Amino acid sequence: MFAGARVFTYEEALATFPRVRELTERAVQQIEAMINRVQSRKELADRKAELDKGVEQIVQVWAAEIAALGCEIKGMWLVDWDTGDGYYCWRYPEETLGHYHSYDEGFAGRVPIA
């Protein structure tokens, strides 16, 4: 678990969801803007190390911000809220926090929240 991790009710998770989505959208847009400034495949190849470092920095800042909210990062743009018996699960660009999975099943076993 990350240092800021905590147990959430669904209402508490929903309360943090707009901020999680906002932080994630900002990070995605920063990466897209950085990549879109590249003019050619040659430039992309020549600047690969620099671009990789930039992406890594953006993702690290995003992950720290999400963890500070008490959520857990489970992958690139994949966030979980611990429920005490599993996770509410969201992946960008989903519009809502609408899935759950147990601790054992993980993302592949997620089901819609009724």
PDB file of N, CA and C in Angstrom:
ATOM      1  N   MET A   1       0.831  -1.181   0.000  1.00  0.00           N
ATOM      2  CA  MET A   1       0.000   0.000   0.000  1.00  0.00           C
ATOM      3  C   MET A   1       0.874   1.243   0.000  1.00  0.00           C
ATOM      4  N   PHE A   2       0.397   2.290  -0.627  1.00  0.00           N
ATOM      5  CA  PHE A   2       1.112   3.555  -0.618  1.00  0.00           C
ATOM      6  C   PHE A   2       0.922   4.230   0.733  1.00  0.00           C
ATOM      7  N   ALA A   3       1.798   5.139   1.057  1.00  0.00           N
ATOM      8  CA  ALA A   3       1.783   5.792   2.366  1.00  0.00           C
ATOM      9  C   ALA A   3       0.449   6.474   2.658  1.00  0.00           C
ATOM     10  N   GLY A   4      -0.198   7.034   1.650  1.00  0.00           N
ATOM     11  CA  GLY A   4      -1.432   7.760   1.886  1.00  0.00           C
ATOM     12  C   GLY A   4      -2.673   6.902   1.791  1.00  0.00           C
ATOM     13  N   ALA A   5      -2.524   5.600   1.546  1.00  0.00           N
ATOM     14  CA  ALA A   5      -3.669   4.722   1.313  1.00  0.00           C
ATOM     15  C   ALA A   5      -4.575   4.677   2.531  1.00  0.00           C
ATOM     16  N   ARG A   6      -5.867   4.556   2.263  1.00  0.00           N
ATOM     17  CA  ARG A   6      -6.869   4.477   3.314  1.00  0.00           C
ATOM     18  C   ARG A   6      -8.056   3.679   2.816  1.00  0.00           C
ATOM     19  N   VAL A   7      -9.008   3.410   3.693  1.00  0.00           N
ATOM     20  CA  VAL A   7     -10.223   2.692   3.319  1.00  0.00           C
ATOM     21  C   VAL A   7     -11.319   3.718   3.042  1.00  0.00           C
ATOM     22  N   PHE A   8     -12.031   3.520   1.933  1.00  0.00           N
ATOM     23  CA  PHE A   8     -13.060   4.455   1.489  1.00  0.00           C
ATOM     24  C   PHE A   8     -14.437   3.801   1.478  1.00  0.00           C
ATOM     25  N   THR A   9     -15.448   4.556   1.857  1.00  0.00           N
ATOM     26  CA  THR A   9     -16.812   4.184   1.517  1.00  0.00           C
ATOM     27  C   THR A   9     -17.013   4.598   0.067  1.00  0.00           C
ATOM     28  N   TYR A  10     -18.088   4.126  -0.558  1.00  0.00           N
ATOM     29  CA  TYR A  10     -18.339   4.522  -1.940  1.00  0.00           C
ATOM     30  C   TYR A  10     -18.545   6.030  -2.037  1.00  0.00           C
ATOM     31  N   GLU A  11     -19.244   6.612  -1.072  1.00  0.00           N
ATOM     32  CA  GLU A  11     -19.485   8.055  -1.082  1.00  0.00           C
ATOM     33  C   GLU A  11     -18.174   8.829  -0.960  1.00  0.00           C
ATOM     34  N   GLU A  12     -17.255   8.350  -0.113  1.00  0.00           N
ATOM     35  CA  GLU A  12     -15.950   9.005   0.025  1.00  0.00           C
ATOM     36  C   GLU A  12     -15.142   8.889  -1.267  1.00  0.00           C
ATOM     37  N   ALA A  13     -15.195   7.721  -1.887  1.00  0.00           N
ATOM     38  CA  ALA A  13     -14.491   7.535  -3.161  1.00  0.00           C
ATOM     39  C   ALA A  13     -15.068   8.469  -4.219  1.00  0.00           C
ATOM     40  N   LEU A  14     -16.384   8.550  -4.283  1.00  0.00           N
ATOM     41  CA  LEU A  14     -17.020   9.455  -5.245  1.00  0.00           C
ATOM     42  C   LEU A  14     -16.632  10.908  -4.995  1.00  0.00           C
ATOM     43  N   ALA A  15     -16.465  11.273  -3.738  1.00  0.00           N
ATOM     44  CA  ALA A  15     -16.090  12.642  -3.404  1.00  0.00           C
ATOM     45  C   ALA A  15     -14.693  12.983  -3.919  1.00  0.00           C
ATOM     46  N   THR A  16     -13.786  12.016  -3.955  1.00  0.00           N
ATOM     47  CA  THR A  16     -12.427  12.268  -4.441  1.00  0.00           C
ATOM     48  C   THR A  16     -12.310  12.069  -5.950  1.00  0.00           C
ATOM     49  N   PHE A  17     -13.273  11.398  -6.551  1.00  0.00           N
ATOM     50  CA  PHE A  17     -13.182  11.049  -7.972  1.00  0.00           C
ATOM     51  C   PHE A  17     -12.969  12.254  -8.893  1.00  0.00           C
ATOM     52  N   PRO A  18     -13.696  13.368  -8.728  1.00  0.00           N
ATOM     53  CA  PRO A  18     -13.455  14.494  -9.647  1.00  0.00           C
ATOM     54  C   PRO A  18     -12.006  14.983  -9.618  1.00  0.00           C
ATOM     55  N   ARG A  19     -11.386  14.991  -8.457  1.00  0.00           N
ATOM     56  CA  ARG A  19      -9.989  15.420  -8.359  1.00  0.00           C
ATOM     57  C   ARG A  19      -9.060  14.395  -9.019  1.00  0.00           C
ATOM     58  N   VAL A  20      -9.328  13.118  -8.804  1.00  0.00           N
ATOM     59  CA  VAL A  20      -8.523  12.071  -9.444  1.00  0.00           C
ATOM     60  C   VAL A  20      -8.620  12.206 -10.964  1.00  0.00           C
ATOM     61  N   ARG A  21      -9.825  12.388 -11.466  1.00  0.00           N
ATOM     62  CA  ARG A  21     -10.014  12.531 -12.911  1.00  0.00           C
ATOM     63  C   ARG A  21      -9.309  13.779 -13.435  1.00  0.00           C
ATOM     64  N   GLU A  22      -9.420  14.883 -12.705  1.00  0.00           N
ATOM     65  CA  GLU A  22      -8.776  16.133 -13.106  1.00  0.00           C
ATOM     66  C   GLU A  22      -7.255  15.982 -13.163  1.00  0.00           C
ATOM     67  N   LEU A  23      -6.678  15.397 -12.131  1.00  0.00           N
ATOM     68  CA  LEU A  23      -5.223  15.193 -12.096  1.00  0.00           C
ATOM     69  C   LEU A  23      -4.768  14.276 -13.226  1.00  0.00           C
ATOM     70  N   THR A  24      -5.551  13.255 -13.494  1.00  0.00           N
ATOM     71  CA  THR A  24      -5.207  12.309 -14.557  1.00  0.00           C
ATOM     72  C   THR A  24      -5.316  12.968 -15.921  1.00  0.00           C
ATOM     73  N   GLU A  25      -6.388  13.691 -16.164  1.00  0.00           N
ATOM     74  CA  GLU A  25      -6.540  14.395 -17.446  1.00  0.00           C
ATOM     75  C   GLU A  25      -5.393  15.371 -17.670  1.00  0.00           C
ATOM     76  N   ARG A  26      -5.002  16.083 -16.615  1.00  0.00           N
ATOM     77  CA  ARG A  26      -3.899  17.040 -16.742  1.00  0.00           C
ATOM     78  C   ARG A  26      -2.609  16.322 -17.133  1.00  0.00           C
ATOM     79  N   ALA A  27      -2.313  15.206 -16.485  1.00  0.00           N
ATOM     80  CA  ALA A  27      -1.089  14.461 -16.792  1.00  0.00           C
ATOM     81  C   ALA A  27      -1.122  13.916 -18.223  1.00  0.00           C
ATOM     82  N   VAL A  28      -2.259  13.361 -18.628  1.00  0.00           N
ATOM     83  CA  VAL A  28      -2.394  12.848 -19.999  1.00  0.00           C
ATOM     84  C   VAL A  28      -2.177  13.982 -21.002  1.00  0.00           C
ATOM     85  N   GLN A  29      -2.778  15.130 -20.753  1.00  0.00           N
ATOM     86  CA  GLN A  29      -2.639  16.266 -21.663  1.00  0.00           C
ATOM     87  C   GLN A  29      -1.198  16.771 -21.718  1.00  0.00           C
ATOM     88  N   GLN A  30      -0.506  16.763 -20.580  1.00  0.00           N
ATOM     89  CA  GLN A  30       0.897  17.182 -20.575  1.00  0.00           C
ATOM     90  C   GLN A  30       1.750  16.254 -21.436  1.00  0.00           C
ATOM     91  N   ILE A  31       1.508  14.949 -21.327  1.00  0.00           N
ATOM     92  CA  ILE A  31       2.274  13.994 -22.134  1.00  0.00           C
ATOM     93  C   ILE A  31       1.929  14.160 -23.607  1.00  0.00           C
ATOM     94  N   GLU A  32       0.643  14.289 -23.921  1.00  0.00           N
ATOM     95  CA  GLU A  32       0.238  14.471 -25.316  1.00  0.00           C
ATOM     96  C   GLU A  32       0.853  15.734 -25.904  1.00  0.00           C
ATOM     97  N   ALA A  33       0.869  16.831 -25.150  1.00  0.00           N
ATOM     98  CA  ALA A  33       1.447  18.085 -25.636  1.00  0.00           C
ATOM     99  C   ALA A  33       2.939  17.925 -25.902  1.00  0.00           C
ATOM    100  N   MET A  34       3.625  17.221 -25.017  1.00  0.00           N
ATOM    101  CA  MET A  34       5.059  17.008 -25.194  1.00  0.00           C
ATOM    102  C   MET A  34       5.330  16.192 -26.466  1.00  0.00           C
ATOM    103  N   ILE A  35       4.565  15.141 -26.670  1.00  0.00           N
ATOM    104  CA  ILE A  35       4.747  14.272 -27.838  1.00  0.00           C
ATOM    105  C   ILE A  35       4.330  14.995 -29.121  1.00  0.00           C
ATOM    106  N   ASN A  36       3.251  15.770 -29.053  1.00  0.00           N
ATOM    107  CA  ASN A  36       2.758  16.461 -30.247  1.00  0.00           C
ATOM    108  C   ASN A  36       3.700  17.546 -30.747  1.00  0.00           C
ATOM    109  N   ARG A  37       4.627  17.999 -29.915  1.00  0.00           N
ATOM    110  CA  ARG A  37       5.616  18.993 -30.360  1.00  0.00           C
ATOM    111  C   ARG A  37       6.705  18.364 -31.230  1.00  0.00           C
ATOM    112  N   VAL A  38       6.794  17.051 -31.213  1.00  0.00           N
ATOM    113  CA  VAL A  38       7.786  16.353 -32.024  1.00  0.00           C
ATOM    114  C   VAL A  38       7.359  16.448 -33.487  1.00  0.00           C
ATOM    115  N   GLN A  39       8.280  16.843 -34.338  1.00  0.00           N
ATOM    116  CA  GLN A  39       7.971  17.135 -35.739  1.00  0.00           C
ATOM    117  C   GLN A  39       8.145  15.959 -36.694  1.00  0.00           C
ATOM    118  N   SER A  40       8.928  14.968 -36.299  1.00  0.00           N
ATOM    119  CA  SER A  40       9.193  13.868 -37.232  1.00  0.00           C
ATOM    120  C   SER A  40       9.590  12.611 -36.462  1.00  0.00           C
ATOM    121  N   ARG A  41       9.575  11.500 -37.194  1.00  0.00           N
ATOM    122  CA  ARG A  41      10.025  10.248 -36.583  1.00  0.00           C
ATOM    123  C   ARG A  41      11.502  10.334 -36.199  1.00  0.00           C
ATOM    124  N   LYS A  42      12.271  11.016 -37.002  1.00  0.00           N
ATOM    125  CA  LYS A  42      13.696  11.177 -36.692  1.00  0.00           C
ATOM    126  C   LYS A  42      13.868  11.950 -35.389  1.00  0.00           C
ATOM    127  N   GLU A  43      13.126  13.045 -35.254  1.00  0.00           N
ATOM    128  CA  GLU A  43      13.211  13.813 -34.009  1.00  0.00           C
ATOM    129  C   GLU A  43      12.766  12.956 -32.820  1.00  0.00           C
ATOM    130  N   LEU A  44      11.728  12.172 -33.028  1.00  0.00           N
ATOM    131  CA  LEU A  44      11.244  11.285 -31.961  1.00  0.00           C
ATOM    132  C   LEU A  44      12.353  10.317 -31.541  1.00  0.00           C
ATOM    133  N   ALA A  45      13.021   9.737 -32.539  1.00  0.00           N
ATOM    134  CA  ALA A  45      14.113   8.801 -32.249  1.00  0.00           C
ATOM    135  C   ALA A  45      15.279   9.522 -31.577  1.00  0.00           C
ATOM    136  N   ASP A  46      15.625  10.695 -32.080  1.00  0.00           N
ATOM    137  CA  ASP A  46      16.753  11.449 -31.532  1.00  0.00           C
ATOM    138  C   ASP A  46      16.499  11.906 -30.097  1.00  0.00           C
ATOM    139  N   ARG A  47      15.264  12.176 -29.762  1.00  0.00           N
ATOM    140  CA  ARG A  47      14.914  12.720 -28.444  1.00  0.00           C
ATOM    141  C   ARG A  47      14.272  11.683 -27.528  1.00  0.00           C
ATOM    142  N   LYS A  48      14.353  10.405 -27.896  1.00  0.00           N
ATOM    143  CA  LYS A  48      13.655   9.366 -27.139  1.00  0.00           C
ATOM    144  C   LYS A  48      13.990   9.394 -25.647  1.00  0.00           C
ATOM    145  N   ALA A  49      15.251   9.465 -25.294  1.00  0.00           N
ATOM    146  CA  ALA A  49      15.644   9.449 -23.882  1.00  0.00           C
ATOM    147  C   ALA A  49      15.064  10.664 -23.149  1.00  0.00           C
ATOM    148  N   GLU A  50      15.141  11.819 -23.775  1.00  0.00           N
ATOM    149  CA  GLU A  50      14.605  13.042 -23.172  1.00  0.00           C
ATOM    150  C   GLU A  50      13.087  12.950 -22.987  1.00  0.00           C
ATOM    151  N   LEU A  51      12.397  12.452 -24.015  1.00  0.00           N
ATOM    152  CA  LEU A  51      10.942  12.312 -23.937  1.00  0.00           C
ATOM    153  C   LEU A  51      10.538  11.271 -22.902  1.00  0.00           C
ATOM    154  N   ASP A  52      11.261  10.160 -22.865  1.00  0.00           N
ATOM    155  CA  ASP A  52      10.977   9.126 -21.859  1.00  0.00           C
ATOM    156  C   ASP A  52      11.126   9.693 -20.452  1.00  0.00           C
ATOM    157  N   LYS A  53      12.164  10.498 -20.240  1.00  0.00           N
ATOM    158  CA  LYS A  53      12.379  11.112 -18.930  1.00  0.00           C
ATOM    159  C   LYS A  53      11.242  12.078 -18.609  1.00  0.00           C
ATOM    160  N   GLY A  54      10.800  12.843 -19.585  1.00  0.00           N
ATOM    161  CA  GLY A  54       9.688  13.764 -19.375  1.00  0.00           C
ATOM    162  C   GLY A  54       8.405  13.038 -19.010  1.00  0.00           C
ATOM    163  N   VAL A  55       8.116  11.953 -19.721  1.00  0.00           N
ATOM    164  CA  VAL A  55       6.924  11.151 -19.413  1.00  0.00           C
ATOM    165  C   VAL A  55       7.044  10.587 -18.002  1.00  0.00           C
ATOM    166  N   GLU A  56       8.201  10.054 -17.664  1.00  0.00           N
ATOM    167  CA  GLU A  56       8.414   9.477 -16.328  1.00  0.00           C
ATOM    168  C   GLU A  56       8.182  10.529 -15.242  1.00  0.00           C
ATOM    169  N   GLN A  57       8.658  11.741 -15.451  1.00  0.00           N
ATOM    170  CA  GLN A  57       8.473  12.800 -14.454  1.00  0.00           C
ATOM    171  C   GLN A  57       6.989  13.156 -14.295  1.00  0.00           C
ATOM    172  N   ILE A  58       6.273  13.266 -15.398  1.00  0.00           N
ATOM    173  CA  ILE A  58       4.842  13.581 -15.348  1.00  0.00           C
ATOM    174  C   ILE A  58       4.089  12.478 -14.607  1.00  0.00           C
ATOM    175  N   VAL A  59       4.407  11.229 -14.923  1.00  0.00           N
ATOM    176  CA  VAL A  59       3.731  10.098 -14.279  1.00  0.00           C
ATOM    177  C   VAL A  59       4.065  10.052 -12.789  1.00  0.00           C
ATOM    178  N   GLN A  60       5.301  10.337 -12.415  1.00  0.00           N
ATOM    179  CA  GLN A  60       5.674  10.330 -10.997  1.00  0.00           C
ATOM    180  C   GLN A  60       4.917  11.405 -10.220  1.00  0.00           C
ATOM    181  N   VAL A  61       4.793  12.594 -10.787  1.00  0.00           N
ATOM    182  CA  VAL A  61       4.041  13.664 -10.125  1.00  0.00           C
ATOM    183  C   VAL A  61       2.583  13.248  -9.986  1.00  0.00           C
ATOM    184  N   TRP A  62       2.008  12.705 -11.067  1.00  0.00           N
ATOM    185  CA  TRP A  62       0.612  12.235 -11.040  1.00  0.00           C
ATOM    186  C   TRP A  62       0.425  11.183  -9.940  1.00  0.00           C
ATOM    187  N   ALA A  63       1.309  10.206  -9.899  1.00  0.00           N
ATOM    188  CA  ALA A  63       1.186   9.125  -8.922  1.00  0.00           C
ATOM    189  C   ALA A  63       1.271   9.664  -7.495  1.00  0.00           C
ATOM    190  N   ALA A  64       2.157  10.606  -7.246  1.00  0.00           N
ATOM    191  CA  ALA A  64       2.285  11.188  -5.910  1.00  0.00           C
ATOM    192  C   ALA A  64       1.020  11.951  -5.524  1.00  0.00           C
ATOM    193  N   GLU A  65       0.450  12.679  -6.469  1.00  0.00           N
ATOM    194  CA  GLU A  65      -0.773  13.432  -6.197  1.00  0.00           C
ATOM    195  C   GLU A  65      -1.947  12.498  -5.904  1.00  0.00           C
ATOM    196  N   ILE A  66      -2.040  11.419  -6.660  1.00  0.00           N
ATOM    197  CA  ILE A  66      -3.117  10.453  -6.449  1.00  0.00           C
ATOM    198  C   ILE A  66      -2.935   9.748  -5.103  1.00  0.00           C
ATOM    199  N   ALA A  67      -1.712   9.334  -4.797  1.00  0.00           N
ATOM    200  CA  ALA A  67      -1.434   8.668  -3.516  1.00  0.00           C
ATOM    201  C   ALA A  67      -1.725   9.602  -2.344  1.00  0.00           C
ATOM    202  N   ALA A  68      -1.484  10.894  -2.520  1.00  0.00           N
ATOM    203  CA  ALA A  68      -1.755  11.859  -1.446  1.00  0.00           C
ATOM    204  C   ALA A  68      -3.243  11.931  -1.117  1.00  0.00           C
ATOM    205  N   LEU A  69      -4.091  11.547  -2.064  1.00  0.00           N
ATOM    206  CA  LEU A  69      -5.533  11.509  -1.824  1.00  0.00           C
ATOM    207  C   LEU A  69      -5.952  10.233  -1.095  1.00  0.00           C
ATOM    208  N   GLY A  70      -5.013   9.295  -0.944  1.00  0.00           N
ATOM    209  CA  GLY A  70      -5.304   8.036  -0.270  1.00  0.00           C
ATOM    210  C   GLY A  70      -5.631   6.900  -1.219  1.00  0.00           C
ATOM    211  N   CYS A  71      -5.533   7.161  -2.507  1.00  0.00           N
ATOM    212  CA  CYS A  71      -5.830   6.148  -3.527  1.00  0.00           C
ATOM    213  C   CYS A  71      -4.576   5.347  -3.844  1.00  0.00           C
ATOM    214  N   GLU A  72      -4.771   4.255  -4.568  1.00  0.00           N
ATOM    215  CA  GLU A  72      -3.652   3.402  -4.962  1.00  0.00           C
ATOM    216  C   GLU A  72      -3.532   3.385  -6.484  1.00  0.00           C
ATOM    217  N   ILE A  73      -2.317   3.496  -6.961  1.00  0.00           N
ATOM    218  CA  ILE A  73      -2.025   3.421  -8.388  1.00  0.00           C
ATOM    219  C   ILE A  73      -1.801   1.953  -8.720  1.00  0.00           C
ATOM    220  N   LYS A  74      -2.532   1.458  -9.718  1.00  0.00           N
ATOM    221  CA  LYS A  74      -2.389   0.053 -10.096  1.00  0.00           C
ATOM    222  C   LYS A  74      -1.828  -0.109 -11.500  1.00  0.00           C
ATOM    223  N   GLY A  75      -1.581   1.007 -12.169  1.00  0.00           N
ATOM    224  CA  GLY A  75      -1.027   0.984 -13.508  1.00  0.00           C
ATOM    225  C   GLY A  75      -1.153   2.366 -14.109  1.00  0.00           C
ATOM    226  N   MET A  76      -0.741   2.480 -15.348  1.00  0.00           N
ATOM    227  CA  MET A  76      -0.808   3.774 -16.019  1.00  0.00           C
ATOM    228  C   MET A  76      -2.261   4.199 -16.151  1.00  0.00           C
ATOM    229  N   TRP A  77      -2.600   5.289 -15.471  1.00  0.00           N
ATOM    230  CA  TRP A  77      -3.938   5.888 -15.465  1.00  0.00           C
ATOM    231  C   TRP A  77      -4.988   4.937 -14.885  1.00  0.00           C
ATOM    232  N   LEU A  78      -4.574   4.063 -13.989  1.00  0.00           N
ATOM    233  CA  LEU A  78      -5.464   3.101 -13.334  1.00  0.00           C
ATOM    234  C   LEU A  78      -5.390   3.329 -11.822  1.00  0.00           C
ATOM    235  N   VAL A  79      -6.548   3.684 -11.239  1.00  0.00           N
ATOM    236  CA  VAL A  79      -6.597   4.078  -9.836  1.00  0.00           C
ATOM    237  C   VAL A  79      -7.612   3.217  -9.090  1.00  0.00           C
ATOM    238  N   ASP A  80      -7.243   2.798  -7.876  1.00  0.00           N
ATOM    239  CA  ASP A  80      -8.130   2.035  -7.009  1.00  0.00           C
ATOM    240  C   ASP A  80      -8.334   2.768  -5.688  1.00  0.00           C
ATOM    241  N   TRP A  81      -9.536   2.607  -5.141  1.00  0.00           N
ATOM    242  CA  TRP A  81      -9.897   3.085  -3.813  1.00  0.00           C
ATOM    243  C   TRP A  81     -10.163   1.847  -2.971  1.00  0.00           C
ATOM    244  N   ASP A  82      -9.394   1.633  -1.909  1.00  0.00           N
ATOM    245  CA  ASP A  82      -9.530   0.463  -1.046  1.00  0.00           C
ATOM    246  C   ASP A  82     -10.850   0.545  -0.276  1.00  0.00           C
ATOM    247  N   THR A  83     -11.633  -0.535  -0.309  1.00  0.00           N
ATOM    248  CA  THR A  83     -12.922  -0.573   0.393  1.00  0.00           C
ATOM    249  C   THR A  83     -12.855  -1.348   1.704  1.00  0.00           C
ATOM    250  N   GLY A  84     -11.734  -1.982   1.965  1.00  0.00           N
ATOM    251  CA  GLY A  84     -11.624  -2.849   3.129  1.00  0.00           C
ATOM    252  C   GLY A  84     -11.818  -4.314   2.770  1.00  0.00           C
ATOM    253  N   ASP A  85     -12.453  -4.582   1.610  1.00  0.00           N
ATOM    254  CA  ASP A  85     -12.598  -5.969   1.144  1.00  0.00           C
ATOM    255  C   ASP A  85     -12.350  -6.087  -0.353  1.00  0.00           C
ATOM    256  N   GLY A  86     -11.876  -5.026  -0.948  1.00  0.00           N
ATOM    257  CA  GLY A  86     -11.576  -4.979  -2.373  1.00  0.00           C
ATOM    258  C   GLY A  86     -11.353  -3.538  -2.774  1.00  0.00           C
ATOM    259  N   TYR A  87     -11.612  -3.248  -4.046  1.00  0.00           N
ATOM    260  CA  TYR A  87     -11.331  -1.905  -4.553  1.00  0.00           C
ATOM    261  C   TYR A  87     -12.442  -1.398  -5.461  1.00  0.00           C
ATOM    262  N   TYR A  88     -12.758  -0.118  -5.316  1.00  0.00           N
ATOM    263  CA  TYR A  88     -13.455   0.598  -6.385  1.00  0.00           C
ATOM    264  C   TYR A  88     -12.359   0.908  -7.391  1.00  0.00           C
ATOM    265  N   CYS A  89     -12.667   0.746  -8.656  1.00  0.00           N
ATOM    266  CA  CYS A  89     -11.631   0.757  -9.688  1.00  0.00           C
ATOM    267  C   CYS A  89     -12.014   1.703 -10.823  1.00  0.00           C
ATOM    268  N   TRP A  90     -11.067   2.512 -11.258  1.00  0.00           N
ATOM    269  CA  TRP A  90     -11.288   3.438 -12.362  1.00  0.00           C
ATOM    270  C   TRP A  90     -10.067   3.473 -13.269  1.00  0.00           C
ATOM    271  N   ARG A  91     -10.332   3.542 -14.563  1.00  0.00           N
ATOM    272  CA  ARG A  91      -9.262   3.676 -15.556  1.00  0.00           C
ATOM    273  C   ARG A  91      -9.618   4.815 -16.490  1.00  0.00           C
ATOM    274  N   TYR A  92      -8.680   5.720 -16.676  1.00  0.00           N
ATOM    275  CA  TYR A  92      -8.864   6.823 -17.617  1.00  0.00           C
ATOM    276  C   TYR A  92      -9.053   6.241 -19.015  1.00  0.00           C
ATOM    277  N   PRO A  93     -10.026   6.709 -19.778  1.00  0.00           N
ATOM    278  CA  PRO A  93     -10.854   7.911 -19.676  1.00  0.00           C
ATOM    279  C   PRO A  93     -12.296   7.649 -19.233  1.00  0.00           C
ATOM    280  N   GLU A  94     -12.535   6.602 -18.453  1.00  0.00           N
ATOM    281  CA  GLU A  94     -13.904   6.323 -18.017  1.00  0.00           C
ATOM    282  C   GLU A  94     -14.509   7.567 -17.369  1.00  0.00           C
ATOM    283  N   GLU A  95     -15.798   7.757 -17.599  1.00  0.00           N
ATOM    284  CA  GLU A  95     -16.484   8.966 -17.140  1.00  0.00           C
ATOM    285  C   GLU A  95     -16.870   8.919 -15.672  1.00  0.00           C
ATOM    286  N   THR A  96     -17.038   7.718 -15.121  1.00  0.00           N
ATOM    287  CA  THR A  96     -17.496   7.593 -13.742  1.00  0.00           C
ATOM    288  C   THR A  96     -16.675   6.553 -12.996  1.00  0.00           C
ATOM    289  N   LEU A  97     -16.829   6.571 -11.685  1.00  0.00           N
ATOM    290  CA  LEU A  97     -16.247   5.534 -10.840  1.00  0.00           C
ATOM    291  C   LEU A  97     -17.305   4.452 -10.735  1.00  0.00           C
ATOM    292  N   GLY A  98     -17.242   3.469 -11.616  1.00  0.00           N
ATOM    293  CA  GLY A  98     -18.341   2.537 -11.735  1.00  0.00           C
ATOM    294  C   GLY A  98     -18.005   1.069 -11.650  1.00  0.00           C
ATOM    295  N   HIS A  99     -16.806   0.719 -11.160  1.00  0.00           N
ATOM    296  CA  HIS A  99     -16.423  -0.689 -11.092  1.00  0.00           C
ATOM    297  C   HIS A  99     -15.827  -1.034  -9.737  1.00  0.00           C
ATOM    298  N   TYR A 100     -15.882  -2.328  -9.431  1.00  0.00           N
ATOM    299  CA  TYR A 100     -15.354  -2.877  -8.187  1.00  0.00           C
ATOM    300  C   TYR A 100     -14.647  -4.193  -8.519  1.00  0.00           C
ATOM    301  N   HIS A 101     -13.618  -4.513  -7.760  1.00  0.00           N
ATOM    302  CA  HIS A 101     -13.029  -5.857  -7.828  1.00  0.00           C
ATOM    303  C   HIS A 101     -12.474  -6.228  -6.460  1.00  0.00           C
ATOM    304  N   SER A 102     -12.442  -7.528  -6.192  1.00  0.00           N
ATOM    305  CA  SER A 102     -11.909  -8.009  -4.919  1.00  0.00           C
ATOM    306  C   SER A 102     -10.391  -7.886  -4.928  1.00  0.00           C
ATOM    307  N   TYR A 103      -9.793  -8.090  -3.770  1.00  0.00           N
ATOM    308  CA  TYR A 103      -8.335  -8.053  -3.680  1.00  0.00           C
ATOM    309  C   TYR A 103      -7.707  -9.130  -4.565  1.00  0.00           C
ATOM    310  N   ASP A 104      -8.344 -10.290  -4.644  1.00  0.00           N
ATOM    311  CA  ASP A 104      -7.767 -11.410  -5.374  1.00  0.00           C
ATOM    312  C   ASP A 104      -7.955 -11.323  -6.881  1.00  0.00           C
ATOM    313  N   GLU A 105      -9.062 -10.741  -7.349  1.00  0.00           N
ATOM    314  CA  GLU A 105      -9.382 -10.777  -8.774  1.00  0.00           C
ATOM    315  C   GLU A 105      -8.656  -9.722  -9.584  1.00  0.00           C
ATOM    316  N   GLY A 106      -8.425  -8.572  -9.044  1.00  0.00           N
ATOM    317  CA  GLY A 106      -7.746  -7.529  -9.780  1.00  0.00           C
ATOM    318  C   GLY A 106      -8.587  -6.972 -10.920  1.00  0.00           C
ATOM    319  N   PHE A 107      -7.943  -6.166 -11.757  1.00  0.00           N
ATOM    320  CA  PHE A 107      -8.640  -5.435 -12.816  1.00  0.00           C
ATOM    321  C   PHE A 107      -9.451  -6.360 -13.723  1.00  0.00           C
ATOM    322  N   ALA A 108      -8.898  -7.507 -14.065  1.00  0.00           N
ATOM    323  CA  ALA A 108      -9.584  -8.428 -14.985  1.00  0.00           C
ATOM    324  C   ALA A 108     -10.899  -8.937 -14.405  1.00  0.00           C
ATOM    325  N   GLY A 109     -11.025  -8.940 -13.088  1.00  0.00           N
ATOM    326  CA  GLY A 109     -12.237  -9.439 -12.457  1.00  0.00           C
ATOM    327  C   GLY A 109     -13.210  -8.361 -12.021  1.00  0.00           C
ATOM    328  N   ARG A 110     -12.984  -7.145 -12.492  1.00  0.00           N
ATOM    329  CA  ARG A 110     -13.849  -6.065 -12.023  1.00  0.00           C
ATOM    330  C   ARG A 110     -15.269  -6.201 -12.580  1.00  0.00           C
ATOM    331  N   VAL A 111     -16.199  -5.740 -11.775  1.00  0.00           N
ATOM    332  CA  VAL A 111     -17.622  -5.816 -12.134  1.00  0.00           C
ATOM    333  C   VAL A 111     -18.239  -4.437 -11.930  1.00  0.00           C
ATOM    334  N   PRO A 112     -19.299  -4.144 -12.700  1.00  0.00           N
ATOM    335  CA  PRO A 112     -19.973  -2.845 -12.521  1.00  0.00           C
ATOM    336  C   PRO A 112     -20.561  -2.732 -11.115  1.00  0.00           C
ATOM    337  N   ILE A 113     -20.518  -1.537 -10.565  1.00  0.00           N
ATOM    338  CA  ILE A 113     -21.165  -1.266  -9.291  1.00  0.00           C
ATOM    339  C   ILE A 113     -22.630  -1.040  -9.579  1.00  0.00           C
ATOM    340  N   ALA A 114     -23.486  -1.828  -8.912  1.00  0.00           N
ATOM    341  CA  ALA A 114     -24.926  -1.737  -9.175  1.00  0.00           C
ATOM    342  C   ALA A 114     -25.533  -0.490  -8.609  1.00  0.00           C
TER     343      ALA A 114
END
